Amino acid sequence: MRKPFDPYNWSKTRITTLVDKIQSIKNDGLDVSYGEVWSIKKHLLLDYYVGAFVRIISSKRFNFKKWYYVDTHCGSGVIGFKEKTLSNERFPGSPLIVALRGSEFPFHEYVFSDIEQTSVDTLKRRLKALEPTIGKLNYSFNIIDFAKTVALVETKNQHGNAFLIFVDPTGFTEINWSLMERLLKIGTADIIFTFMTYGIAFNRSKAEGDPVTAQSFNEFFGNDNWKNYSDGGELAELYRKQMAKFKTHTALIPVYQTGERLLYHMIIATNSRGGANVFDSAKKVMDETTTELFRDALKVVTGKTKDLTDYF
């Protein structure tokens, strides 16, 4: 009989593995992309999904020739924490999450884009420093915005090519729906998108009285249907439904700051039945792993506190 899923031990195991793999660059003195403990969740979701994606795409029953990982807002590759007790700790960002799996689940090309040259240059230096751990992979570094990244992906959209696209903006104004639609129309692209629920709900409260914000919402959603909703969860569901017009399978995974305070949703979209099965499994895992649990696991892994099992 299969053992019941233990969210704490799963979190601790994955966090331990990932933290250990970046020890050599932990104190490199380079810029970090500051976040909070809840940022770990979206990166563990990506970590969970990437292996299954490559297994499916590389299967002999499919005839894919190449598969690409695309990170549209790659950042510096390393997350720092604002929380005082974790301020000296580091965790891999999305580019490193995928690159660290390169020996097991390689992509033909890793396309990293960001509008900040410092972030791209820093990521490049970190990946070079991690070559003894990762090996040499085929990276493409691009100092371009989201629109140009979409255009770049379209040049690679040829028969036999597949894509895993991670769209993780810090806000919503740079994500124009017409650009998202172009990505969604790529039939062989799986997309993981961060919907910034809290910020979008906050701005929704003033949008009808502020023409500039209202126009930003129109561009983000591609229409003014957002006016029919005020709740953040409802707005996320509206966006998922729009993505579902182009992808056979979509799902929402909520991420909370603490308790019931919702911060953002991860939206996964794919045409693959196998991919849908993977994110169904991922959703169950993520639904059982709370921000508080991630915080506890990270503090245990980094020696800030004793293992929780010591208290039982």
C-alpha atoms as a PDB file:
ATOM      1  CA  MET A   1       0.000   0.000   0.000  1.00  0.00           C
ATOM      2  CA  ARG A   2       1.309   3.443  -0.933  1.00  0.00           C
ATOM      3  CA  LYS A   3       2.231   5.603   2.045  1.00  0.00           C
ATOM      4  CA  PRO A   4       0.070   8.706   2.540  1.00  0.00           C
ATOM      5  CA  PHE A   5       1.607  11.917   1.253  1.00  0.00           C
ATOM      6  CA  ASP A   6       3.549  13.780   3.926  1.00  0.00           C
ATOM      7  CA  PRO A   7       3.677  17.457   2.854  1.00  0.00           C
ATOM      8  CA  TYR A   8       6.247  18.445   5.479  1.00  0.00           C
ATOM      9  CA  ASN A   9       8.768  15.732   4.627  1.00  0.00           C
ATOM     10  CA  TRP A  10       8.244  16.304   0.902  1.00  0.00           C
ATOM     11  CA  SER A  11       8.863  20.041   1.329  1.00  0.00           C
ATOM     12  CA  LYS A  12      11.899  19.493   3.527  1.00  0.00           C
ATOM     13  CA  THR A  13      13.428  16.993   1.088  1.00  0.00           C
ATOM     14  CA  ARG A  14      13.016  19.203  -1.965  1.00  0.00           C
ATOM     15  CA  ILE A  15      14.135  22.363  -0.146  1.00  0.00           C
ATOM     16  CA  THR A  16      17.204  20.549   1.213  1.00  0.00           C
ATOM     17  CA  THR A  17      18.184  19.356  -2.265  1.00  0.00           C
ATOM     18  CA  LEU A  18      17.778  22.763  -3.876  1.00  0.00           C
ATOM     19  CA  VAL A  19      19.457  24.748  -1.094  1.00  0.00           C
ATOM     20  CA  ASP A  20      22.412  22.348  -1.075  1.00  0.00           C
ATOM     21  CA  LYS A  21      22.908  22.684  -4.828  1.00  0.00           C
ATOM     22  CA  ILE A  22      23.426  26.456  -4.661  1.00  0.00           C
ATOM     23  CA  GLN A  23      25.716  26.560  -1.626  1.00  0.00           C
ATOM     24  CA  SER A  24      28.688  27.494  -3.805  1.00  0.00           C
ATOM     25  CA  ILE A  25      26.991  30.742  -4.904  1.00  0.00           C
ATOM     26  CA  LYS A  26      25.095  31.524  -1.700  1.00  0.00           C
ATOM     27  CA  ASN A  27      27.538  34.247  -0.679  1.00  0.00           C
ATOM     28  CA  ASP A  28      28.671  35.401  -4.118  1.00  0.00           C
ATOM     29  CA  GLY A  29      27.825  39.030  -3.313  1.00  0.00           C
ATOM     30  CA  LEU A  30      25.780  39.451  -6.495  1.00  0.00           C
ATOM     31  CA  ASP A  31      22.303  40.912  -6.736  1.00  0.00           C
ATOM     32  CA  VAL A  32      19.370  38.774  -5.613  1.00  0.00           C
ATOM     33  CA  SER A  33      15.685  38.935  -6.438  1.00  0.00           C
ATOM     34  CA  TYR A  34      14.109  39.604  -3.065  1.00  0.00           C
ATOM     35  CA  GLY A  35      10.947  37.764  -2.174  1.00  0.00           C
ATOM     36  CA  GLU A  36       9.341  36.003   0.735  1.00  0.00           C
ATOM     37  CA  VAL A  37       8.872  32.412   1.847  1.00  0.00           C
ATOM     38  CA  TRP A  38       5.703  32.064  -0.198  1.00  0.00           C
ATOM     39  CA  SER A  39       7.814  32.537  -3.338  1.00  0.00           C
ATOM     40  CA  ILE A  40       9.141  29.043  -2.724  1.00  0.00           C
ATOM     41  CA  LYS A  41       5.780  27.535  -3.653  1.00  0.00           C
ATOM     42  CA  LYS A  42       5.761  28.622  -7.291  1.00  0.00           C
ATOM     43  CA  HIS A  43       9.330  27.439  -7.705  1.00  0.00           C
ATOM     44  CA  LEU A  44       8.595  24.038  -6.180  1.00  0.00           C
ATOM     45  CA  LEU A  45       5.618  23.810  -8.528  1.00  0.00           C
ATOM     46  CA  LEU A  46       7.969  24.441 -11.465  1.00  0.00           C
ATOM     47  CA  ASP A  47      10.444  21.928 -10.028  1.00  0.00           C
ATOM     48  CA  TYR A  48       7.621  19.377  -9.778  1.00  0.00           C
ATOM     49  CA  TYR A  49       6.369  20.015 -13.317  1.00  0.00           C
ATOM     50  CA  VAL A  50       9.588  20.231 -15.311  1.00  0.00           C
ATOM     51  CA  GLY A  51      10.627  16.596 -14.947  1.00  0.00           C
ATOM     52  CA  ALA A  52       7.251  15.283 -16.018  1.00  0.00           C
ATOM     53  CA  PHE A  53       7.137  17.715 -18.955  1.00  0.00           C
ATOM     54  CA  VAL A  54      10.466  16.480 -20.335  1.00  0.00           C
ATOM     55  CA  ARG A  55       9.502  12.825 -19.795  1.00  0.00           C
ATOM     56  CA  ILE A  56       6.290  13.328 -21.760  1.00  0.00           C
ATOM     57  CA  ILE A  57       7.789  15.416 -24.563  1.00  0.00           C
ATOM     58  CA  SER A  58      10.796  13.106 -25.043  1.00  0.00           C
ATOM     59  CA  SER A  59       8.683   9.952 -25.080  1.00  0.00           C
ATOM     60  CA  LYS A  60       9.061   7.824 -28.210  1.00  0.00           C
ATOM     61  CA  ARG A  61       5.332   7.888 -28.789  1.00  0.00           C
ATOM     62  CA  PHE A  62       5.673  11.579 -29.612  1.00  0.00           C
ATOM     63  CA  ASN A  63       7.771  12.884 -32.436  1.00  0.00           C
ATOM     64  CA  PHE A  64       9.164  16.077 -30.950  1.00  0.00           C
ATOM     65  CA  LYS A  65      12.584  17.091 -32.201  1.00  0.00           C
ATOM     66  CA  LYS A  66      13.375  19.917 -29.773  1.00  0.00           C
ATOM     67  CA  TRP A  67      11.932  21.316 -26.580  1.00  0.00           C
ATOM     68  CA  TYR A  68      12.612  24.718 -25.098  1.00  0.00           C
ATOM     69  CA  TYR A  69      12.339  26.189 -21.621  1.00  0.00           C
ATOM     70  CA  VAL A  70      11.381  29.874 -21.787  1.00  0.00           C
ATOM     71  CA  ASP A  71      11.589  32.160 -18.744  1.00  0.00           C
ATOM     72  CA  THR A  72      10.077  35.524 -19.669  1.00  0.00           C
ATOM     73  CA  HIS A  73      11.035  37.355 -16.438  1.00  0.00           C
ATOM     74  CA  CYS A  74      14.118  35.410 -15.382  1.00  0.00           C
ATOM     75  CA  GLY A  75      15.584  37.770 -12.768  1.00  0.00           C
ATOM     76  CA  SER A  76      18.973  37.138 -11.190  1.00  0.00           C
ATOM     77  CA  GLY A  77      18.438  33.418 -10.579  1.00  0.00           C
ATOM     78  CA  VAL A  78      18.534  33.589  -6.778  1.00  0.00           C
ATOM     79  CA  ILE A  79      15.893  34.604  -4.240  1.00  0.00           C
ATOM     80  CA  GLY A  80      16.742  36.437  -1.020  1.00  0.00           C
ATOM     81  CA  PHE A  81      14.300  36.713   1.877  1.00  0.00           C
ATOM     82  CA  LYS A  82      13.083  39.871   3.579  1.00  0.00           C
ATOM     83  CA  GLU A  83      12.158  37.970   6.738  1.00  0.00           C
ATOM     84  CA  LYS A  84      14.796  38.841   9.343  1.00  0.00           C
ATOM     85  CA  THR A  85      15.522  35.289  10.526  1.00  0.00           C
ATOM     86  CA  LEU A  86      16.075  34.175   6.898  1.00  0.00           C
ATOM     87  CA  SER A  87      17.801  37.295   5.566  1.00  0.00           C
ATOM     88  CA  ASN A  88      21.116  35.486   5.027  1.00  0.00           C
ATOM     89  CA  GLU A  89      19.541  32.498   3.256  1.00  0.00           C
ATOM     90  CA  ARG A  90      19.119  31.960  -0.486  1.00  0.00           C
ATOM     91  CA  PHE A  91      16.884  29.835  -2.700  1.00  0.00           C
ATOM     92  CA  PRO A  92      17.085  29.152  -6.447  1.00  0.00           C
ATOM     93  CA  GLY A  93      14.826  31.201  -8.693  1.00  0.00           C
ATOM     94  CA  SER A  94      13.052  29.763 -11.721  1.00  0.00           C
ATOM     95  CA  PRO A  95      16.079  29.726 -14.115  1.00  0.00           C
ATOM     96  CA  LEU A  96      18.172  27.741 -11.645  1.00  0.00           C
ATOM     97  CA  ILE A  97      15.271  25.465 -10.697  1.00  0.00           C
ATOM     98  CA  VAL A  98      15.131  24.222 -14.279  1.00  0.00           C
ATOM     99  CA  ALA A  99      18.875  24.295 -14.971  1.00  0.00           C
ATOM    100  CA  LEU A 100      19.567  22.249 -11.835  1.00  0.00           C
ATOM    101  CA  ARG A 101      17.446  19.477 -13.350  1.00  0.00           C
ATOM    102  CA  GLY A 102      19.412  19.651 -16.604  1.00  0.00           C
ATOM    103  CA  SER A 103      21.332  16.425 -16.156  1.00  0.00           C
ATOM    104  CA  GLU A 104      18.093  14.462 -15.646  1.00  0.00           C
ATOM    105  CA  PHE A 105      15.690  16.469 -17.772  1.00  0.00           C
ATOM    106  CA  PRO A 106      17.569  18.547 -20.347  1.00  0.00           C
ATOM    107  CA  PHE A 107      16.061  21.047 -22.760  1.00  0.00           C
ATOM    108  CA  HIS A 108      17.606  21.746 -26.140  1.00  0.00           C
ATOM    109  CA  GLU A 109      17.706  25.427 -25.247  1.00  0.00           C
ATOM    110  CA  TYR A 110      17.021  27.526 -22.159  1.00  0.00           C
ATOM    111  CA  VAL A 111      15.697  30.942 -23.186  1.00  0.00           C
ATOM    112  CA  PHE A 112      16.165  33.497 -20.393  1.00  0.00           C
ATOM    113  CA  SER A 113      14.744  36.993 -20.836  1.00  0.00           C
ATOM    114  CA  ASP A 114      14.482  40.080 -18.648  1.00  0.00           C
ATOM    115  CA  ILE A 115      14.379  43.825 -19.213  1.00  0.00           C
ATOM    116  CA  GLU A 116      17.081  44.394 -16.572  1.00  0.00           C
ATOM    117  CA  GLN A 117      20.598  43.940 -17.923  1.00  0.00           C
ATOM    118  CA  THR A 118      22.020  43.582 -14.404  1.00  0.00           C
ATOM    119  CA  SER A 119      19.701  40.645 -13.700  1.00  0.00           C
ATOM    120  CA  VAL A 120      20.616  38.876 -16.939  1.00  0.00           C
ATOM    121  CA  ASP A 121      24.356  39.460 -16.446  1.00  0.00           C
ATOM    122  CA  THR A 122      24.113  38.188 -12.864  1.00  0.00           C
ATOM    123  CA  LEU A 123      22.223  35.073 -13.942  1.00  0.00           C
ATOM    124  CA  LYS A 124      24.845  34.404 -16.596  1.00  0.00           C
ATOM    125  CA  ARG A 125      27.644  34.602 -14.011  1.00  0.00           C
ATOM    126  CA  ARG A 126      25.810  32.294 -11.617  1.00  0.00           C
ATOM    127  CA  LEU A 127      25.137  29.650 -14.242  1.00  0.00           C
ATOM    128  CA  LYS A 128      28.818  29.762 -15.194  1.00  0.00           C
ATOM    129  CA  ALA A 129      29.823  29.330 -11.545  1.00  0.00           C
ATOM    130  CA  LEU A 130      27.442  26.371 -11.210  1.00  0.00           C
ATOM    131  CA  GLU A 131      28.850  24.472 -14.195  1.00  0.00           C
ATOM    132  CA  PRO A 132      30.585  21.918 -11.929  1.00  0.00           C
ATOM    133  CA  THR A 133      27.134  21.072 -10.540  1.00  0.00           C
ATOM    134  CA  ILE A 134      24.935  21.614 -13.589  1.00  0.00           C
ATOM    135  CA  GLY A 135      27.251  20.975 -16.501  1.00  0.00           C
ATOM    136  CA  LYS A 136      27.224  22.949 -19.739  1.00  0.00           C
ATOM    137  CA  LEU A 137      23.754  23.597 -21.080  1.00  0.00           C
ATOM    138  CA  ASN A 138      22.594  25.611 -24.087  1.00  0.00           C
ATOM    139  CA  TYR A 139      21.509  28.996 -22.725  1.00  0.00           C
ATOM    140  CA  SER A 140      20.156  32.006 -24.578  1.00  0.00           C
ATOM    141  CA  PHE A 141      20.345  35.288 -22.631  1.00  0.00           C
ATOM    142  CA  ASN A 142      18.136  38.120 -23.803  1.00  0.00           C
ATOM    143  CA  ILE A 143      17.766  41.658 -22.455  1.00  0.00           C
ATOM    144  CA  ILE A 144      14.310  42.229 -23.880  1.00  0.00           C
ATOM    145  CA  ASP A 145      10.762  42.891 -22.700  1.00  0.00           C
ATOM    146  CA  PHE A 146       7.814  40.515 -22.700  1.00  0.00           C
ATOM    147  CA  ALA A 147       6.627  41.536 -26.163  1.00  0.00           C
ATOM    148  CA  LYS A 148      10.006  40.787 -27.737  1.00  0.00           C
ATOM    149  CA  THR A 149      10.248  37.508 -25.829  1.00  0.00           C
ATOM    150  CA  VAL A 150       6.906  36.433 -27.307  1.00  0.00           C
ATOM    151  CA  ALA A 151       8.190  37.321 -30.776  1.00  0.00           C
ATOM    152  CA  LEU A 152      11.390  35.342 -30.107  1.00  0.00           C
ATOM    153  CA  VAL A 153       9.388  32.264 -29.102  1.00  0.00           C
ATOM    154  CA  GLU A 154       7.307  32.553 -32.265  1.00  0.00           C
ATOM    155  CA  THR A 155      10.463  32.325 -34.391  1.00  0.00           C
ATOM    156  CA  LYS A 156      11.154  28.938 -32.773  1.00  0.00           C
ATOM    157  CA  ASN A 157       7.577  27.697 -33.205  1.00  0.00           C
ATOM    158  CA  GLN A 158       8.222  25.164 -35.934  1.00  0.00           C
ATOM    159  CA  HIS A 159       6.927  21.650 -36.512  1.00  0.00           C
ATOM    160  CA  GLY A 160       8.476  19.253 -34.010  1.00  0.00           C
ATOM    161  CA  ASN A 161       9.242  21.869 -31.368  1.00  0.00           C
ATOM    162  CA  ALA A 162       7.634  22.099 -27.915  1.00  0.00           C
ATOM    163  CA  PHE A 163       7.841  24.694 -25.144  1.00  0.00           C
ATOM    164  CA  LEU A 164       7.529  25.041 -21.392  1.00  0.00           C
ATOM    165  CA  ILE A 165       6.968  28.760 -20.794  1.00  0.00           C
ATOM    166  CA  PHE A 166       7.184  30.257 -17.300  1.00  0.00           C
ATOM    167  CA  VAL A 167       5.605  33.726 -17.134  1.00  0.00           C
ATOM    168  CA  ASP A 168       6.278  35.222 -13.704  1.00  0.00           C
ATOM    169  CA  PRO A 169       5.813  39.012 -13.737  1.00  0.00           C
ATOM    170  CA  THR A 170       6.053  41.217 -10.650  1.00  0.00           C
ATOM    171  CA  GLY A 171       2.808  42.963 -11.583  1.00  0.00           C
ATOM    172  CA  PHE A 172       0.302  42.914 -14.410  1.00  0.00           C
ATOM    173  CA  THR A 173       0.777  46.037 -16.526  1.00  0.00           C
ATOM    174  CA  GLU A 174       3.498  44.470 -18.709  1.00  0.00           C
ATOM    175  CA  ILE A 175       1.299  41.470 -19.588  1.00  0.00           C
ATOM    176  CA  ASN A 176      -0.877  42.538 -22.486  1.00  0.00           C
ATOM    177  CA  TRP A 177      -3.570  39.952 -23.315  1.00  0.00           C
ATOM    178  CA  SER A 178      -2.780  40.085 -27.033  1.00  0.00           C
ATOM    179  CA  LEU A 179       0.738  38.861 -26.194  1.00  0.00           C
ATOM    180  CA  MET A 180      -0.513  36.082 -23.918  1.00  0.00           C
ATOM    181  CA  GLU A 181      -2.926  35.026 -26.651  1.00  0.00           C
ATOM    182  CA  ARG A 182      -0.032  34.630 -29.083  1.00  0.00           C
ATOM    183  CA  LEU A 183       1.714  32.276 -26.631  1.00  0.00           C
ATOM    184  CA  LEU A 184      -1.497  30.364 -25.957  1.00  0.00           C
ATOM    185  CA  LYS A 185      -1.992  29.796 -29.682  1.00  0.00           C
ATOM    186  CA  ILE A 186       1.228  27.789 -29.787  1.00  0.00           C
ATOM    187  CA  GLY A 187      -0.344  24.360 -29.575  1.00  0.00           C
ATOM    188  CA  THR A 188       2.768  22.609 -28.255  1.00  0.00           C
ATOM    189  CA  ALA A 189       3.425  25.123 -25.476  1.00  0.00           C
ATOM    190  CA  ASP A 190       2.674  24.443 -21.813  1.00  0.00           C
ATOM    191  CA  ILE A 191       2.367  27.696 -19.883  1.00  0.00           C
ATOM    192  CA  ILE A 192       2.760  28.348 -16.165  1.00  0.00           C
ATOM    193  CA  PHE A 193       1.575  31.877 -15.360  1.00  0.00           C
ATOM    194  CA  THR A 194       1.667  33.872 -12.130  1.00  0.00           C
ATOM    195  CA  PHE A 195      -1.584  35.793 -11.736  1.00  0.00           C
ATOM    196  CA  MET A 196      -0.849  38.507  -9.169  1.00  0.00           C
ATOM    197  CA  THR A 197      -4.203  38.184  -7.415  1.00  0.00           C
ATOM    198  CA  TYR A 198      -3.669  40.506  -4.454  1.00  0.00           C
ATOM    199  CA  GLY A 199      -2.270  43.371  -6.523  1.00  0.00           C
ATOM    200  CA  ILE A 200      -4.885  42.960  -9.225  1.00  0.00           C
ATOM    201  CA  ALA A 201      -7.733  42.911  -6.679  1.00  0.00           C
ATOM    202  CA  PHE A 202      -6.255  45.995  -4.984  1.00  0.00           C
ATOM    203  CA  ASN A 203      -6.128  47.915  -8.257  1.00  0.00           C
ATOM    204  CA  ARG A 204      -9.588  46.658  -9.253  1.00  0.00           C
ATOM    205  CA  SER A 205     -11.047  48.644  -6.362  1.00  0.00           C
ATOM    206  CA  LYS A 206      -9.988  51.918  -7.993  1.00  0.00           C
ATOM    207  CA  ALA A 207     -10.113  50.962 -11.669  1.00  0.00           C
ATOM    208  CA  GLU A 208     -13.606  52.253 -12.464  1.00  0.00           C
ATOM    209  CA  GLY A 209     -12.747  55.683 -11.095  1.00  0.00           C
ATOM    210  CA  ASP A 210      -9.313  55.834 -12.694  1.00  0.00           C
ATOM    211  CA  PRO A 211      -9.227  55.751 -16.522  1.00  0.00           C
ATOM    212  CA  VAL A 212      -5.517  54.881 -16.599  1.00  0.00           C
ATOM    213  CA  THR A 213      -5.955  51.845 -14.342  1.00  0.00           C
ATOM    214  CA  ALA A 214      -9.106  50.835 -16.227  1.00  0.00           C
ATOM    215  CA  GLN A 215      -7.183  50.897 -19.501  1.00  0.00           C
ATOM    216  CA  SER A 216      -4.442  48.761 -17.950  1.00  0.00           C
ATOM    217  CA  PHE A 217      -7.116  46.238 -16.936  1.00  0.00           C
ATOM    218  CA  ASN A 218      -8.634  46.270 -20.413  1.00  0.00           C
ATOM    219  CA  GLU A 219      -5.224  45.537 -21.913  1.00  0.00           C
ATOM    220  CA  PHE A 220      -4.419  42.860 -19.335  1.00  0.00           C
ATOM    221  CA  PHE A 221      -7.721  40.985 -19.705  1.00  0.00           C
ATOM    222  CA  GLY A 222      -8.228  41.828 -23.383  1.00  0.00           C
ATOM    223  CA  ASN A 223     -11.741  43.172 -22.737  1.00  0.00           C
ATOM    224  CA  ASP A 224     -13.748  44.860 -19.989  1.00  0.00           C
ATOM    225  CA  ASN A 225     -15.364  41.719 -18.555  1.00  0.00           C
ATOM    226  CA  TRP A 226     -13.349  42.323 -15.393  1.00  0.00           C
ATOM    227  CA  LYS A 227     -15.905  44.994 -14.505  1.00  0.00           C
ATOM    228  CA  ASN A 228     -18.341  42.206 -13.584  1.00  0.00           C
ATOM    229  CA  TYR A 229     -16.061  40.979 -10.772  1.00  0.00           C
ATOM    230  CA  SER A 230     -14.421  42.476  -7.721  1.00  0.00           C
ATOM    231  CA  ASP A 231     -13.037  39.483  -5.823  1.00  0.00           C
ATOM    232  CA  GLY A 232      -9.448  38.445  -6.564  1.00  0.00           C
ATOM    233  CA  GLY A 233     -10.328  34.774  -6.870  1.00  0.00           C
ATOM    234  CA  GLU A 234     -13.119  35.578  -9.325  1.00  0.00           C
ATOM    235  CA  LEU A 235     -10.746  37.668 -11.430  1.00  0.00           C
ATOM    236  CA  ALA A 236      -8.215  34.821 -11.479  1.00  0.00           C
ATOM    237  CA  GLU A 237     -10.954  32.421 -12.559  1.00  0.00           C
ATOM    238  CA  LEU A 238     -11.968  34.862 -15.314  1.00  0.00           C
ATOM    239  CA  TYR A 239      -8.386  34.870 -16.605  1.00  0.00           C
ATOM    240  CA  ARG A 240      -8.184  31.068 -16.446  1.00  0.00           C
ATOM    241  CA  LYS A 241     -11.370  30.800 -18.499  1.00  0.00           C
ATOM    242  CA  GLN A 242      -9.890  33.090 -21.124  1.00  0.00           C
ATOM    243  CA  MET A 243      -6.774  30.921 -21.285  1.00  0.00           C
ATOM    244  CA  ALA A 244      -9.023  27.861 -21.562  1.00  0.00           C
ATOM    245  CA  LYS A 245     -10.322  29.152 -24.906  1.00  0.00           C
ATOM    246  CA  PHE A 246      -6.924  28.211 -26.333  1.00  0.00           C
ATOM    247  CA  LYS A 247      -5.809  25.280 -24.158  1.00  0.00           C
ATOM    248  CA  THR A 248      -7.653  22.041 -23.505  1.00  0.00           C
ATOM    249  CA  HIS A 249      -6.606  21.787 -19.856  1.00  0.00           C
ATOM    250  CA  THR A 250      -6.183  24.630 -17.356  1.00  0.00           C
ATOM    251  CA  ALA A 251      -6.007  24.813 -13.559  1.00  0.00           C
ATOM    252  CA  LEU A 252      -5.615  27.356 -10.745  1.00  0.00           C
ATOM    253  CA  ILE A 253      -3.332  26.840  -7.759  1.00  0.00           C
ATOM    254  CA  PRO A 254      -3.700  29.479  -5.006  1.00  0.00           C
ATOM    255  CA  VAL A 255      -0.725  30.717  -2.985  1.00  0.00           C
ATOM    256  CA  TYR A 256      -1.345  32.301   0.425  1.00  0.00           C
ATOM    257  CA  GLN A 257       0.803  34.610   2.517  1.00  0.00           C
ATOM    258  CA  THR A 258      -0.470  33.082   5.758  1.00  0.00           C
ATOM    259  CA  GLY A 259      -3.729  31.402   6.583  1.00  0.00           C
ATOM    260  CA  GLU A 260      -6.389  32.604   4.162  1.00  0.00           C
ATOM    261  CA  ARG A 261      -4.660  35.754   2.910  1.00  0.00           C
ATOM    262  CA  LEU A 262      -4.424  35.095  -0.826  1.00  0.00           C
ATOM    263  CA  LEU A 263      -1.422  36.541  -2.666  1.00  0.00           C
ATOM    264  CA  TYR A 264      -1.468  35.067  -6.143  1.00  0.00           C
ATOM    265  CA  HIS A 265      -2.571  32.130  -8.274  1.00  0.00           C
ATOM    266  CA  MET A 266      -0.478  29.913 -10.485  1.00  0.00           C
ATOM    267  CA  ILE A 267      -2.352  29.108 -13.691  1.00  0.00           C
ATOM    268  CA  ILE A 268      -1.215  26.118 -15.729  1.00  0.00           C
ATOM    269  CA  ALA A 269      -2.400  25.659 -19.325  1.00  0.00           C
ATOM    270  CA  THR A 270      -1.663  22.768 -21.688  1.00  0.00           C
ATOM    271  CA  ASN A 271      -3.116  20.750 -24.539  1.00  0.00           C
ATOM    272  CA  SER A 272      -1.471  17.582 -23.234  1.00  0.00           C
ATOM    273  CA  ARG A 273      -3.537  15.018 -21.341  1.00  0.00           C
ATOM    274  CA  GLY A 274      -0.313  13.855 -19.705  1.00  0.00           C
ATOM    275  CA  GLY A 275       0.479  17.423 -18.694  1.00  0.00           C
ATOM    276  CA  ALA A 276      -3.008  17.772 -17.248  1.00  0.00           C
ATOM    277  CA  ASN A 277      -2.468  14.636 -15.159  1.00  0.00           C
ATOM    278  CA  VAL A 278       0.797  16.080 -13.857  1.00  0.00           C
ATOM    279  CA  PHE A 279      -0.694  19.380 -12.772  1.00  0.00           C
ATOM    280  CA  ASP A 280      -3.664  17.574 -11.220  1.00  0.00           C
ATOM    281  CA  SER A 281      -1.098  15.754  -9.093  1.00  0.00           C
ATOM    282  CA  ALA A 282       0.869  18.968  -8.531  1.00  0.00           C
ATOM    283  CA  LYS A 283      -2.275  20.761  -7.409  1.00  0.00           C
ATOM    284  CA  LYS A 284      -2.947  18.113  -4.764  1.00  0.00           C
ATOM    285  CA  VAL A 285       0.612  18.464  -3.482  1.00  0.00           C
ATOM    286  CA  MET A 286       0.484  22.257  -3.474  1.00  0.00           C
ATOM    287  CA  ASP A 287      -2.926  22.351  -1.811  1.00  0.00           C
ATOM    288  CA  GLU A 288      -1.475  20.367   1.103  1.00  0.00           C
ATOM    289  CA  THR A 289       1.664  22.481   1.498  1.00  0.00           C
ATOM    290  CA  THR A 290       1.092  25.805   3.243  1.00  0.00           C
ATOM    291  CA  THR A 291       3.323  28.858   3.426  1.00  0.00           C
ATOM    292  CA  GLU A 292       3.761  28.204   7.145  1.00  0.00           C
ATOM    293  CA  LEU A 293       4.940  24.687   6.359  1.00  0.00           C
ATOM    294  CA  PHE A 294       7.471  25.971   3.815  1.00  0.00           C
ATOM    295  CA  ARG A 295       8.747  28.484   6.364  1.00  0.00           C
ATOM    296  CA  ASP A 296       9.169  25.762   8.988  1.00  0.00           C
ATOM    297  CA  ALA A 297      10.870  23.404   6.540  1.00  0.00           C
ATOM    298  CA  LEU A 298      13.287  26.106   5.337  1.00  0.00           C
ATOM    299  CA  LYS A 299      14.188  27.053   8.912  1.00  0.00           C
ATOM    300  CA  VAL A 300      14.895  23.413   9.753  1.00  0.00           C
ATOM    301  CA  VAL A 301      16.963  22.884   6.588  1.00  0.00           C
ATOM    302  CA  THR A 302      19.044  26.011   7.275  1.00  0.00           C
ATOM    303  CA  GLY A 303      19.535  25.214  10.956  1.00  0.00           C
ATOM    304  CA  LYS A 304      17.400  28.055  12.278  1.00  0.00           C
ATOM    305  CA  THR A 305      15.272  25.681  14.344  1.00  0.00           C
ATOM    306  CA  LYS A 306      14.969  22.015  15.213  1.00  0.00           C
ATOM    307  CA  ASP A 307      13.147  19.493  13.070  1.00  0.00           C
ATOM    308  CA  LEU A 308       9.420  19.631  13.725  1.00  0.00           C
ATOM    309  CA  THR A 309       9.435  15.911  14.467  1.00  0.00           C
ATOM    310  CA  ASP A 310      11.486  16.687  17.594  1.00  0.00           C
ATOM    311  CA  TYR A 311       8.393  18.273  19.093  1.00  0.00           C
ATOM    312  CA  PHE A 312       6.020  15.368  18.470  1.00  0.00           C
END
